[in-house]
Amino acid sequence: MRKLRVACKLFYLGDNYRGFQFQPDVDTVEGRIKEALIETKLIENDSTSKFQGASRTDALVHALGNVIAFNTNERVIIPMINQYLPKDIIIWAKKEVKDDFLPRFEAIKRHYKYITRFDDENFKKMENAAKKIIGYHDFKNFSKKYENKNTFREIYELNISQKDQFLIFDVIGTAFLYQMVRRIVNLLLDIGRGNFKEEIVNDYFDKEMDSSERIGPAPLENDGSLILWEVVFPFKFEIDSYSFEKLQRYINHFWKVHSLRLETMRIFQNFFNK
């Protein structure tokens, strides 16, 4: 069979992994995927597979639509790969791509969602500040300090919504610097809480700031959740219906278990609030 290059779309929960990118002697999403690809004899090693991911998400960051690509001599059957993956990593779509396709560099846009609790932040102030962030800017002050690196990025959309007791930030752009999304969100939250005026956004783009002046990233785990929602390319993926249904069943089961625990804690809480 001729050599193919295949792109796959995947879901994962980041709680149990030290990020996406492979690290020796550490459990990572990429490491688990490569193990599964080797087990299914789709790849032999890194050098021949030319494996690459679209986004190297951090520890505790989740994904619905991260994308990987690899070379193989075999037919790619997604359910067979998923058999060798943990329950919280599921490949659910694929596409045969050109031989030199590199998902990290050929994405048209990336969409992140950040979720946190609503704490009476001023919506209008956050939305006004968000409008200043949209566009093509130097985002060096929204990340760690980079030497000799292009820190200009373009944000296409930055939307804020409220669902029940939660705030949801949708950030869509070309690509993002390290911790850039979480630092943008944290600045908007501080503006919404009255700690800064909306005009501080201009300072972030116009001034040189050292690490003590720049705002830190919004938290993860107990106080916030970051999802790589989608990575967009100029083609459509072919959804594997069996694997897509498996993903849906996993999410539904996860919700069923955790909603029961949440309601149990709510009943305990009601006892103290009497």
C-alpha atoms as a PDB file:
ATOM      1  CA  MET A   1       0.000   0.000   0.000  1.00  0.00           C
ATOM      2  CA  ARG A   2       1.283   3.483  -0.830  1.00  0.00           C
ATOM      3  CA  LYS A   3       2.382   5.791   1.970  1.00  0.00           C
ATOM      4  CA  LEU A   4      -0.402   8.061   3.203  1.00  0.00           C
ATOM      5  CA  ARG A   5      -0.431  11.154   5.363  1.00  0.00           C
ATOM      6  CA  VAL A   6      -3.508  11.252   7.548  1.00  0.00           C
ATOM      7  CA  ALA A   7      -4.866  14.016   9.787  1.00  0.00           C
ATOM      8  CA  CYS A   8      -7.054  13.050  12.748  1.00  0.00           C
ATOM      9  CA  LYS A   9      -9.282  15.113  14.999  1.00  0.00           C
ATOM     10  CA  LEU A  10      -9.316  14.217  18.679  1.00  0.00           C
ATOM     11  CA  PHE A  11     -10.964  14.867  22.010  1.00  0.00           C
ATOM     12  CA  TYR A  12      -9.235  14.611  25.380  1.00  0.00           C
ATOM     13  CA  LEU A  13      -9.580  15.668  28.983  1.00  0.00           C
ATOM     14  CA  GLY A  14      -6.308  17.125  30.197  1.00  0.00           C
ATOM     15  CA  ASP A  15      -6.650  16.406  33.924  1.00  0.00           C
ATOM     16  CA  ASN A  16      -4.600  13.195  33.895  1.00  0.00           C
ATOM     17  CA  TYR A  17      -1.786  14.360  31.592  1.00  0.00           C
ATOM     18  CA  ARG A  18       1.189  16.695  31.738  1.00  0.00           C
ATOM     19  CA  GLY A  19       0.052  18.458  28.610  1.00  0.00           C
ATOM     20  CA  PHE A  20      -0.181  17.369  24.996  1.00  0.00           C
ATOM     21  CA  GLN A  21       3.480  17.406  23.953  1.00  0.00           C
ATOM     22  CA  PHE A  22       5.543  14.245  24.437  1.00  0.00           C
ATOM     23  CA  GLN A  23       7.971  14.268  27.377  1.00  0.00           C
ATOM     24  CA  PRO A  24      10.158  11.317  28.415  1.00  0.00           C
ATOM     25  CA  ASP A  25       8.960   9.470  31.546  1.00  0.00           C
ATOM     26  CA  VAL A  26       5.851  11.686  31.806  1.00  0.00           C
ATOM     27  CA  ASP A  27       2.268  10.812  30.860  1.00  0.00           C
ATOM     28  CA  THR A  28       1.186  13.058  27.962  1.00  0.00           C
ATOM     29  CA  VAL A  29      -1.578  12.985  25.345  1.00  0.00           C
ATOM     30  CA  GLU A  30       0.904  12.763  22.490  1.00  0.00           C
ATOM     31  CA  GLY A  31       2.743   9.939  24.210  1.00  0.00           C
ATOM     32  CA  ARG A  32      -0.479   7.929  24.583  1.00  0.00           C
ATOM     33  CA  ILE A  33      -1.466   8.507  20.963  1.00  0.00           C
ATOM     34  CA  LYS A  34       1.923   7.421  19.650  1.00  0.00           C
ATOM     35  CA  GLU A  35       1.751   4.262  21.756  1.00  0.00           C
ATOM     36  CA  ALA A  36      -1.663   3.461  20.261  1.00  0.00           C
ATOM     37  CA  LEU A  37      -0.435   4.096  16.714  1.00  0.00           C
ATOM     38  CA  ILE A  38       2.526   1.794  17.285  1.00  0.00           C
ATOM     39  CA  GLU A  39       0.285  -0.908  18.808  1.00  0.00           C
ATOM     40  CA  THR A  40      -1.972  -0.796  15.743  1.00  0.00           C
ATOM     41  CA  LYS A  41       1.122  -0.895  13.491  1.00  0.00           C
ATOM     42  CA  LEU A  42       0.156   2.365  11.827  1.00  0.00           C
ATOM     43  CA  ILE A  43       3.557   3.876  12.624  1.00  0.00           C
ATOM     44  CA  GLU A  44       6.955   2.515  13.621  1.00  0.00           C
ATOM     45  CA  ASN A  45       8.653   5.570  15.109  1.00  0.00           C
ATOM     46  CA  ASP A  46       8.812   9.383  15.062  1.00  0.00           C
ATOM     47  CA  SER A  47      11.284   9.748  12.235  1.00  0.00           C
ATOM     48  CA  THR A  48       9.244   7.747   9.718  1.00  0.00           C
ATOM     49  CA  SER A  49       5.786   8.910  10.839  1.00  0.00           C
ATOM     50  CA  LYS A  50       6.580  12.656  10.936  1.00  0.00           C
ATOM     51  CA  PHE A  51       3.973  12.969  13.677  1.00  0.00           C
ATOM     52  CA  GLN A  52       2.840  16.508  14.527  1.00  0.00           C
ATOM     53  CA  GLY A  53       0.047  18.092  16.545  1.00  0.00           C
ATOM     54  CA  ALA A  54      -1.737  21.331  15.697  1.00  0.00           C
ATOM     55  CA  SER A  55      -1.617  22.731  19.246  1.00  0.00           C
ATOM     56  CA  ARG A  56       0.604  21.748  22.169  1.00  0.00           C
ATOM     57  CA  THR A  57      -1.871  22.336  24.970  1.00  0.00           C
ATOM     58  CA  ASP A  58      -0.679  22.609  28.585  1.00  0.00           C
ATOM     59  CA  ALA A  59      -1.428  20.319  31.502  1.00  0.00           C
ATOM     60  CA  LEU A  60      -5.099  20.482  32.596  1.00  0.00           C
ATOM     61  CA  VAL A  61      -6.194  21.905  29.226  1.00  0.00           C
ATOM     62  CA  HIS A  62      -8.893  19.922  27.406  1.00  0.00           C
ATOM     63  CA  ALA A  63      -9.656  19.601  23.689  1.00  0.00           C
ATOM     64  CA  LEU A  64     -12.600  18.751  21.504  1.00  0.00           C
ATOM     65  CA  GLY A  65     -10.878  19.398  18.193  1.00  0.00           C
ATOM     66  CA  ASN A  66      -7.106  19.240  18.384  1.00  0.00           C
ATOM     67  CA  VAL A  67      -5.567  17.759  15.252  1.00  0.00           C
ATOM     68  CA  ILE A  68      -2.655  15.404  14.646  1.00  0.00           C
ATOM     69  CA  ALA A  69      -1.051  14.170  11.429  1.00  0.00           C
ATOM     70  CA  PHE A  70       1.216  11.220  10.672  1.00  0.00           C
ATOM     71  CA  ASN A  71       2.516   9.092   7.806  1.00  0.00           C
ATOM     72  CA  THR A  72       1.449   5.475   7.501  1.00  0.00           C
ATOM     73  CA  ASN A  73       1.539   2.561   5.056  1.00  0.00           C
ATOM     74  CA  GLU A  74      -1.673   1.083   6.455  1.00  0.00           C
ATOM     75  CA  ARG A  75      -5.374   1.844   6.268  1.00  0.00           C
ATOM     76  CA  VAL A  76      -6.393   4.024   9.215  1.00  0.00           C
ATOM     77  CA  ILE A  77      -9.371   2.570  11.131  1.00  0.00           C
ATOM     78  CA  ILE A  78     -10.228   5.000  13.927  1.00  0.00           C
ATOM     79  CA  PRO A  79     -12.099   2.597  16.272  1.00  0.00           C
ATOM     80  CA  MET A  80      -9.080   0.300  16.204  1.00  0.00           C
ATOM     81  CA  ILE A  81      -6.816   3.143  17.416  1.00  0.00           C
ATOM     82  CA  ASN A  82      -9.302   4.116  20.130  1.00  0.00           C
ATOM     83  CA  GLN A  83      -9.167   0.574  21.520  1.00  0.00           C
ATOM     84  CA  TYR A  84      -5.593   1.282  22.603  1.00  0.00           C
ATOM     85  CA  LEU A  85      -6.275   4.760  24.020  1.00  0.00           C
ATOM     86  CA  PRO A  86      -7.449   5.667  27.540  1.00  0.00           C
ATOM     87  CA  LYS A  87     -11.154   6.456  27.889  1.00  0.00           C
ATOM     88  CA  ASP A  88     -10.465  10.195  28.110  1.00  0.00           C
ATOM     89  CA  ILE A  89      -8.711  10.375  24.700  1.00  0.00           C
ATOM     90  CA  ILE A  90     -10.892   9.704  21.648  1.00  0.00           C
ATOM     91  CA  ILE A  91     -10.090  10.183  17.962  1.00  0.00           C
ATOM     92  CA  TRP A  92     -13.341  10.877  16.099  1.00  0.00           C
ATOM     93  CA  ALA A  93     -12.566  12.099  12.563  1.00  0.00           C
ATOM     94  CA  LYS A  94      -9.870  11.833   9.898  1.00  0.00           C
ATOM     95  CA  LYS A  95      -8.810  13.165   6.504  1.00  0.00           C
ATOM     96  CA  GLU A  96      -6.167  12.079   4.017  1.00  0.00           C
ATOM     97  CA  VAL A  97      -3.943  15.118   3.429  1.00  0.00           C
ATOM     98  CA  LYS A  98      -1.004  16.166   1.247  1.00  0.00           C
ATOM     99  CA  ASP A  99       2.373  14.581   1.929  1.00  0.00           C
ATOM    100  CA  ASP A 100       3.925  17.700   3.462  1.00  0.00           C
ATOM    101  CA  PHE A 101       0.906  18.732   5.586  1.00  0.00           C
ATOM    102  CA  LEU A 102       1.922  20.268   8.936  1.00  0.00           C
ATOM    103  CA  PRO A 103      -1.089  20.903  11.203  1.00  0.00           C
ATOM    104  CA  ARG A 104       0.769  23.243  13.543  1.00  0.00           C
ATOM    105  CA  PHE A 105       1.588  25.703  10.762  1.00  0.00           C
ATOM    106  CA  GLU A 106      -1.294  25.305   8.309  1.00  0.00           C
ATOM    107  CA  ALA A 107      -4.279  25.967  10.558  1.00  0.00           C
ATOM    108  CA  ILE A 108      -6.488  28.855   9.428  1.00  0.00           C
ATOM    109  CA  LYS A 109      -7.674  29.610  12.971  1.00  0.00           C
ATOM    110  CA  ARG A 110      -7.915  28.216  16.464  1.00  0.00           C
ATOM    111  CA  HIS A 111     -10.868  28.518  18.826  1.00  0.00           C
ATOM    112  CA  TYR A 112     -10.464  28.328  22.616  1.00  0.00           C
ATOM    113  CA  LYS A 113     -13.153  28.413  25.299  1.00  0.00           C
ATOM    114  CA  TYR A 114     -12.390  29.474  28.872  1.00  0.00           C
ATOM    115  CA  ILE A 115     -15.029  28.824  31.545  1.00  0.00           C
ATOM    116  CA  THR A 116     -15.067  30.277  35.051  1.00  0.00           C
ATOM    117  CA  ARG A 117     -17.605  31.185  37.731  1.00  0.00           C
ATOM    118  CA  PHE A 118     -19.539  34.442  37.388  1.00  0.00           C
ATOM    119  CA  ASP A 119     -18.760  36.700  40.356  1.00  0.00           C
ATOM    120  CA  ASP A 120     -20.776  39.823  39.522  1.00  0.00           C
ATOM    121  CA  GLU A 121     -18.213  41.112  37.014  1.00  0.00           C
ATOM    122  CA  ASN A 122     -19.291  44.150  34.991  1.00  0.00           C
ATOM    123  CA  PHE A 123     -20.237  42.713  31.595  1.00  0.00           C
ATOM    124  CA  LYS A 124     -20.211  46.027  29.737  1.00  0.00           C
ATOM    125  CA  LYS A 125     -16.687  46.899  30.850  1.00  0.00           C
ATOM    126  CA  MET A 126     -15.373  43.467  29.870  1.00  0.00           C
ATOM    127  CA  GLU A 127     -17.035  43.658  26.452  1.00  0.00           C
ATOM    128  CA  ASN A 128     -15.631  47.145  25.799  1.00  0.00           C
ATOM    129  CA  ALA A 129     -12.141  45.960  26.732  1.00  0.00           C
ATOM    130  CA  ALA A 130     -12.533  42.836  24.584  1.00  0.00           C
ATOM    131  CA  LYS A 131     -13.236  45.006  21.518  1.00  0.00           C
ATOM    132  CA  LYS A 132      -9.812  46.635  21.993  1.00  0.00           C
ATOM    133  CA  ILE A 133      -8.112  43.214  21.916  1.00  0.00           C
ATOM    134  CA  ILE A 134      -9.698  42.101  18.643  1.00  0.00           C
ATOM    135  CA  GLY A 135      -7.400  42.677  15.676  1.00  0.00           C
ATOM    136  CA  TYR A 136      -3.710  42.362  14.801  1.00  0.00           C
ATOM    137  CA  HIS A 137      -1.453  43.365  17.718  1.00  0.00           C
ATOM    138  CA  ASP A 138       1.827  42.637  19.443  1.00  0.00           C
ATOM    139  CA  PHE A 139       0.770  40.310  22.285  1.00  0.00           C
ATOM    140  CA  LYS A 140       4.193  40.053  23.945  1.00  0.00           C
ATOM    141  CA  ASN A 141       2.782  41.392  27.237  1.00  0.00           C
ATOM    142  CA  PHE A 142       0.177  38.622  27.262  1.00  0.00           C
ATOM    143  CA  SER A 143       2.790  35.889  27.516  1.00  0.00           C
ATOM    144  CA  LYS A 144       6.157  35.133  29.020  1.00  0.00           C
ATOM    145  CA  LYS A 145       9.033  37.241  27.685  1.00  0.00           C
ATOM    146  CA  TYR A 146      10.261  36.081  24.285  1.00  0.00           C
ATOM    147  CA  GLU A 147      13.627  36.869  22.760  1.00  0.00           C
ATOM    148  CA  ASN A 148      13.889  37.165  18.973  1.00  0.00           C
ATOM    149  CA  LYS A 149      10.394  35.780  18.391  1.00  0.00           C
ATOM    150  CA  ASN A 150       7.508  37.235  16.427  1.00  0.00           C
ATOM    151  CA  THR A 151       4.846  38.000  19.038  1.00  0.00           C
ATOM    152  CA  PHE A 152       2.296  39.561  16.680  1.00  0.00           C
ATOM    153  CA  ARG A 153      -0.973  37.657  16.477  1.00  0.00           C
ATOM    154  CA  GLU A 154      -4.474  38.325  15.176  1.00  0.00           C
ATOM    155  CA  ILE A 155      -7.643  37.845  17.203  1.00  0.00           C
ATOM    156  CA  TYR A 156     -10.725  37.461  14.998  1.00  0.00           C
ATOM    157  CA  GLU A 157     -13.372  37.174  17.707  1.00  0.00           C
ATOM    158  CA  LEU A 158     -13.522  37.576  21.477  1.00  0.00           C
ATOM    159  CA  ASN A 159     -16.998  36.921  22.848  1.00  0.00           C
ATOM    160  CA  ILE A 160     -18.180  36.760  26.464  1.00  0.00           C
ATOM    161  CA  SER A 161     -21.392  35.034  27.507  1.00  0.00           C
ATOM    162  CA  GLN A 162     -23.043  33.927  30.724  1.00  0.00           C
ATOM    163  CA  LYS A 163     -24.695  30.550  31.230  1.00  0.00           C
ATOM    164  CA  ASP A 164     -26.258  30.035  34.656  1.00  0.00           C
ATOM    165  CA  GLN A 165     -23.520  30.836  37.197  1.00  0.00           C
ATOM    166  CA  PHE A 166     -20.663  30.617  34.694  1.00  0.00           C
ATOM    167  CA  LEU A 167     -18.844  32.979  32.331  1.00  0.00           C
ATOM    168  CA  ILE A 168     -17.687  31.631  28.970  1.00  0.00           C
ATOM    169  CA  PHE A 169     -14.975  33.377  26.952  1.00  0.00           C
ATOM    170  CA  ASP A 170     -14.705  32.388  23.271  1.00  0.00           C
ATOM    171  CA  VAL A 171     -11.365  33.454  21.795  1.00  0.00           C
ATOM    172  CA  ILE A 172     -10.718  32.840  18.094  1.00  0.00           C
ATOM    173  CA  GLY A 173      -7.477  33.731  16.346  1.00  0.00           C
ATOM    174  CA  THR A 174      -4.717  32.602  14.027  1.00  0.00           C
ATOM    175  CA  ALA A 175      -2.406  31.213  16.699  1.00  0.00           C
ATOM    176  CA  PHE A 176      -1.575  31.932  20.317  1.00  0.00           C
ATOM    177  CA  LEU A 177       1.513  32.509  22.424  1.00  0.00           C
ATOM    178  CA  TYR A 178       2.137  30.502  25.589  1.00  0.00           C
ATOM    179  CA  GLN A 179      -0.619  31.279  28.148  1.00  0.00           C
ATOM    180  CA  MET A 180      -1.913  34.083  25.899  1.00  0.00           C
ATOM    181  CA  VAL A 181      -5.585  33.087  26.082  1.00  0.00           C
ATOM    182  CA  ARG A 182      -5.586  32.768  29.866  1.00  0.00           C
ATOM    183  CA  ARG A 183      -3.779  36.093  30.343  1.00  0.00           C
ATOM    184  CA  ILE A 184      -6.280  37.870  28.076  1.00  0.00           C
ATOM    185  CA  VAL A 185      -9.157  36.368  30.076  1.00  0.00           C
ATOM    186  CA  ASN A 186      -7.561  37.284  33.393  1.00  0.00           C
ATOM    187  CA  LEU A 187      -7.147  40.919  32.337  1.00  0.00           C
ATOM    188  CA  LEU A 188     -10.783  41.076  31.225  1.00  0.00           C
ATOM    189  CA  LEU A 189     -11.920  39.572  34.529  1.00  0.00           C
ATOM    190  CA  ASP A 190      -9.888  42.123  36.496  1.00  0.00           C
ATOM    191  CA  ILE A 191     -11.435  44.917  34.420  1.00  0.00           C
ATOM    192  CA  GLY A 192     -14.896  43.465  35.097  1.00  0.00           C
ATOM    193  CA  ARG A 193     -14.138  43.419  38.837  1.00  0.00           C
ATOM    194  CA  GLY A 194     -13.087  47.069  38.798  1.00  0.00           C
ATOM    195  CA  ASN A 195      -9.392  46.420  39.460  1.00  0.00           C
ATOM    196  CA  PHE A 196      -8.384  48.117  36.171  1.00  0.00           C
ATOM    197  CA  LYS A 197      -9.946  50.569  33.751  1.00  0.00           C
ATOM    198  CA  GLU A 198     -10.719  49.450  30.193  1.00  0.00           C
ATOM    199  CA  GLU A 199      -7.930  51.688  28.855  1.00  0.00           C
ATOM    200  CA  ILE A 200      -5.249  49.443  30.400  1.00  0.00           C
ATOM    201  CA  VAL A 201      -5.567  47.257  27.295  1.00  0.00           C
ATOM    202  CA  ASN A 202      -3.832  50.030  25.335  1.00  0.00           C
ATOM    203  CA  ASP A 203      -0.881  49.892  27.750  1.00  0.00           C
ATOM    204  CA  TYR A 204      -0.504  46.158  27.106  1.00  0.00           C
ATOM    205  CA  PHE A 205      -0.044  46.852  23.405  1.00  0.00           C
ATOM    206  CA  ASP A 206       1.920  50.116  23.603  1.00  0.00           C
ATOM    207  CA  LYS A 207       4.301  49.720  26.564  1.00  0.00           C
ATOM    208  CA  GLU A 208       7.273  47.575  27.461  1.00  0.00           C
ATOM    209  CA  MET A 209       6.356  45.611  30.598  1.00  0.00           C
ATOM    210  CA  ASP A 210       8.478  43.370  32.764  1.00  0.00           C
ATOM    211  CA  SER A 211       7.092  40.208  34.347  1.00  0.00           C
ATOM    212  CA  SER A 212       6.065  42.017  37.544  1.00  0.00           C
ATOM    213  CA  GLU A 213       3.804  44.377  35.566  1.00  0.00           C
ATOM    214  CA  ARG A 214       2.128  41.827  33.301  1.00  0.00           C
ATOM    215  CA  ILE A 215      -0.980  40.042  34.515  1.00  0.00           C
ATOM    216  CA  GLY A 216      -0.670  36.318  35.153  1.00  0.00           C
ATOM    217  CA  PRO A 217      -2.734  33.586  33.475  1.00  0.00           C
ATOM    218  CA  ALA A 218      -6.279  32.845  34.590  1.00  0.00           C
ATOM    219  CA  PRO A 219      -6.336  29.700  36.750  1.00  0.00           C
ATOM    220  CA  LEU A 220      -7.146  26.146  35.733  1.00  0.00           C
ATOM    221  CA  GLU A 221      -8.554  23.105  37.548  1.00  0.00           C
ATOM    222  CA  ASN A 222     -10.759  24.297  40.439  1.00  0.00           C
ATOM    223  CA  ASP A 223     -11.219  27.925  39.347  1.00  0.00           C
ATOM    224  CA  GLY A 224     -11.263  27.751  35.562  1.00  0.00           C
ATOM    225  CA  SER A 225     -11.312  25.434  32.575  1.00  0.00           C
ATOM    226  CA  LEU A 226      -9.677  25.892  29.154  1.00  0.00           C
ATOM    227  CA  ILE A 227     -10.790  23.951  26.075  1.00  0.00           C
ATOM    228  CA  LEU A 228      -9.187  23.879  22.650  1.00  0.00           C
ATOM    229  CA  TRP A 229     -12.552  23.796  20.931  1.00  0.00           C
ATOM    230  CA  GLU A 230     -11.532  23.661  17.285  1.00  0.00           C
ATOM    231  CA  VAL A 231      -8.595  23.982  14.914  1.00  0.00           C
ATOM    232  CA  VAL A 232      -9.818  24.992  11.458  1.00  0.00           C
ATOM    233  CA  PHE A 233      -8.235  23.945   8.148  1.00  0.00           C
ATOM    234  CA  PRO A 234      -9.283  24.565   4.524  1.00  0.00           C
ATOM    235  CA  PHE A 235     -10.887  21.121   4.323  1.00  0.00           C
ATOM    236  CA  LYS A 236     -13.541  19.077   6.117  1.00  0.00           C
ATOM    237  CA  PHE A 237     -12.804  16.022   8.199  1.00  0.00           C
ATOM    238  CA  GLU A 238     -14.644  12.744   7.682  1.00  0.00           C
ATOM    239  CA  ILE A 239     -16.421  11.888  10.928  1.00  0.00           C
ATOM    240  CA  ASP A 240     -16.224   8.268  12.054  1.00  0.00           C
ATOM    241  CA  SER A 241     -19.802   7.649  13.244  1.00  0.00           C
ATOM    242  CA  TYR A 242     -18.901   4.823  15.632  1.00  0.00           C
ATOM    243  CA  SER A 243     -16.182   6.860  17.348  1.00  0.00           C
ATOM    244  CA  PHE A 244     -18.344   9.995  17.395  1.00  0.00           C
ATOM    245  CA  GLU A 245     -21.080   8.056  19.191  1.00  0.00           C
ATOM    246  CA  LYS A 246     -18.466   6.678  21.585  1.00  0.00           C
ATOM    247  CA  LEU A 247     -17.415  10.241  22.401  1.00  0.00           C
ATOM    248  CA  GLN A 248     -21.040  11.241  22.958  1.00  0.00           C
ATOM    249  CA  ARG A 249     -21.597   8.264  25.286  1.00  0.00           C
ATOM    250  CA  TYR A 250     -18.456   9.121  27.244  1.00  0.00           C
ATOM    251  CA  ILE A 251     -19.527  12.760  27.738  1.00  0.00           C
ATOM    252  CA  ASN A 252     -23.060  11.726  28.721  1.00  0.00           C
ATOM    253  CA  HIS A 253     -21.753   9.196  31.239  1.00  0.00           C
ATOM    254  CA  PHE A 254     -19.265  11.696  32.647  1.00  0.00           C
ATOM    255  CA  TRP A 255     -22.041  14.260  33.054  1.00  0.00           C
ATOM    256  CA  LYS A 256     -24.371  11.699  34.669  1.00  0.00           C
ATOM    257  CA  VAL A 257     -21.771  10.715  37.268  1.00  0.00           C
ATOM    258  CA  HIS A 258     -20.609  14.230  38.109  1.00  0.00           C
ATOM    259  CA  SER A 259     -24.071  15.804  38.126  1.00  0.00           C
ATOM    260  CA  LEU A 260     -25.095  13.246  40.742  1.00  0.00           C
ATOM    261  CA  ARG A 261     -22.089  14.170  42.876  1.00  0.00           C
ATOM    262  CA  LEU A 262     -22.860  17.851  42.408  1.00  0.00           C
ATOM    263  CA  GLU A 263     -26.456  17.374  43.550  1.00  0.00           C
ATOM    264  CA  THR A 264     -25.235  15.383  46.561  1.00  0.00           C
ATOM    265  CA  MET A 265     -22.976  18.276  47.590  1.00  0.00           C
ATOM    266  CA  ARG A 266     -25.844  20.722  47.025  1.00  0.00           C
ATOM    267  CA  ILE A 267     -28.007  18.765  49.469  1.00  0.00           C
ATOM    268  CA  PHE A 268     -25.221  18.925  52.057  1.00  0.00           C
ATOM    269  CA  GLN A 269     -24.892  22.665  51.409  1.00  0.00           C
ATOM    270  CA  ASN A 270     -28.613  23.204  51.923  1.00  0.00           C
ATOM    271  CA  PHE A 271     -28.271  21.729  55.414  1.00  0.00           C
ATOM    272  CA  PHE A 272     -25.841  24.500  56.410  1.00  0.00           C
ATOM    273  CA  ASN A 273     -27.860  27.229  54.716  1.00  0.00           C
ATOM    274  CA  LYS A 274     -31.033  26.565  56.692  1.00  0.00           C
END
